Every structure is written in structure tokens, then in C-alpha cells.
Amino acid sequence: MSVNVGTIDRIIRIIAGLALIAWALMGGPVWAWIGVLPLATGLFGICPTYSLLGINSCGLKK
């Protein structure tokens, strides 16, 4: 798999993921642990859903 998540997209995913995880740690609902997914996709730059849908937000044409 190649990188398919752009810089701004990655920043938003990391912030959203960290916010959801922090909420879960502070007694939020169990579903807030879903923040691990956007955090991981933001850190690694690879989104399996984007691959399935043929989306590439990094602006690189390969």
C-alpha cells in the first residue's frame, strides 16, 4: 500500500484521534476508543477505505 492521505488530512485525523482517545480516557463512552483508527491512519498516512474507494488526498499522481 502506498501513502494516500495528504498533509492536512493527516493533521485533522491525528487531532481528531487524540481528542477521541482523551475523551475515552476521561470517562467518555466506550465508542470514543474509535479514535485509535484516525490516529493510526494519520500517523501512517495510509487509509484502507481510501484505497478501496480510489481516493488519494496527498495530491501525488502515480
C-alpha atoms as a PDB file:
ATOM      1  CA  MET A   1       0.000   0.000   0.000  1.00  0.00           C
ATOM      2  CA  SER A   2       1.213   3.478  -0.784  1.00  0.00           C
ATOM      3  CA  VAL A   3       0.569   6.699   1.106  1.00  0.00           C
ATOM      4  CA  ASN A   4      -2.848   8.064   0.199  1.00  0.00           C
ATOM      5  CA  VAL A   5      -3.530  10.584   2.982  1.00  0.00           C
ATOM      6  CA  GLY A   6      -2.389  14.186   2.456  1.00  0.00           C
ATOM      7  CA  THR A   7      -0.810  16.517   4.997  1.00  0.00           C
ATOM      8  CA  ILE A   8      -3.897  18.484   6.024  1.00  0.00           C
ATOM      9  CA  ASP A   9      -5.958  15.286   6.114  1.00  0.00           C
ATOM     10  CA  ARG A  10      -3.301  13.670   8.331  1.00  0.00           C
ATOM     11  CA  ILE A  11      -3.270  16.611  10.761  1.00  0.00           C
ATOM     12  CA  ILE A  12      -7.051  16.547  11.089  1.00  0.00           C
ATOM     13  CA  ARG A  13      -7.042  12.776  11.641  1.00  0.00           C
ATOM     14  CA  ILE A  14      -4.329  12.985  14.316  1.00  0.00           C
ATOM     15  CA  ILE A  15      -6.093  15.787  16.205  1.00  0.00           C
ATOM     16  CA  ALA A  16      -9.474  14.047  15.999  1.00  0.00           C
ATOM     17  CA  GLY A  17      -7.971  10.719  17.059  1.00  0.00           C
ATOM     18  CA  LEU A  18      -6.164  12.222  20.036  1.00  0.00           C
ATOM     19  CA  ALA A  19      -9.288  14.133  21.080  1.00  0.00           C
ATOM     20  CA  LEU A  20     -11.434  10.989  20.981  1.00  0.00           C
ATOM     21  CA  ILE A  21      -8.859   8.936  22.903  1.00  0.00           C
ATOM     22  CA  ALA A  22      -8.529  11.682  25.531  1.00  0.00           C
ATOM     23  CA  TRP A  23     -12.304  11.740  25.881  1.00  0.00           C
ATOM     24  CA  ALA A  24     -12.377   7.965  26.352  1.00  0.00           C
ATOM     25  CA  LEU A  25      -9.625   8.173  28.983  1.00  0.00           C
ATOM     26  CA  MET A  26     -11.535  10.859  30.878  1.00  0.00           C
ATOM     27  CA  GLY A  27     -14.583   8.646  31.279  1.00  0.00           C
ATOM     28  CA  GLY A  28     -16.253   9.168  27.938  1.00  0.00           C
ATOM     29  CA  PRO A  29     -18.215   6.484  26.143  1.00  0.00           C
ATOM     30  CA  VAL A  30     -16.541   3.254  25.095  1.00  0.00           C
ATOM     31  CA  TRP A  31     -17.055   4.061  21.412  1.00  0.00           C
ATOM     32  CA  ALA A  32     -14.660   7.017  21.782  1.00  0.00           C
ATOM     33  CA  TRP A  33     -11.807   4.482  21.531  1.00  0.00           C
ATOM     34  CA  ILE A  34     -12.566   4.511  17.805  1.00  0.00           C
ATOM     35  CA  GLY A  35     -10.140   7.453  17.858  1.00  0.00           C
ATOM     36  CA  VAL A  36      -7.361   4.888  17.506  1.00  0.00           C
ATOM     37  CA  LEU A  37      -8.314   4.451  13.834  1.00  0.00           C
ATOM     38  CA  PRO A  38      -7.985   8.063  12.656  1.00  0.00           C
ATOM     39  CA  LEU A  39      -4.847   8.416  14.774  1.00  0.00           C
ATOM     40  CA  ALA A  40      -3.245   5.373  13.128  1.00  0.00           C
ATOM     41  CA  THR A  41      -4.238   6.398   9.604  1.00  0.00           C
ATOM     42  CA  GLY A  42      -2.932   9.899  10.268  1.00  0.00           C
ATOM     43  CA  LEU A  43       0.388   8.673  11.618  1.00  0.00           C
ATOM     44  CA  PHE A  44       0.993   6.084   8.915  1.00  0.00           C
ATOM     45  CA  GLY A  45      -0.556   8.049   6.026  1.00  0.00           C
ATOM     46  CA  ILE A  46      -2.414   5.020   4.730  1.00  0.00           C
ATOM     47  CA  CYS A  47      -6.199   4.705   4.809  1.00  0.00           C
ATOM     48  CA  PRO A  48      -7.588   1.332   3.675  1.00  0.00           C
ATOM     49  CA  THR A  49     -11.001   2.871   2.996  1.00  0.00           C
ATOM     50  CA  TYR A  50      -9.423   5.458   0.695  1.00  0.00           C
ATOM     51  CA  SER A  51      -7.701   2.602  -1.159  1.00  0.00           C
ATOM     52  CA  LEU A  52     -11.000   0.769  -1.641  1.00  0.00           C
ATOM     53  CA  LEU A  53     -12.715   3.927  -2.909  1.00  0.00           C
ATOM     54  CA  GLY A  54      -9.790   5.064  -5.060  1.00  0.00           C
ATOM     55  CA  ILE A  55      -9.299   8.313  -3.125  1.00  0.00           C
ATOM     56  CA  ASN A  56      -5.904   9.977  -2.738  1.00  0.00           C
ATOM     57  CA  SER A  57      -5.749  13.214  -0.746  1.00  0.00           C
ATOM     58  CA  CYS A  58      -1.982  13.700  -0.971  1.00  0.00           C
ATOM     59  CA  GLY A  59      -2.064  15.192  -4.437  1.00  0.00           C
ATOM     60  CA  LEU A  60       0.569  12.826  -5.802  1.00  0.00           C
ATOM     61  CA  LYS A  61      -0.228  11.176  -9.090  1.00  0.00           C
ATOM     62  CA  LYS A  62       1.362   7.767  -9.550  1.00  0.00           C
END
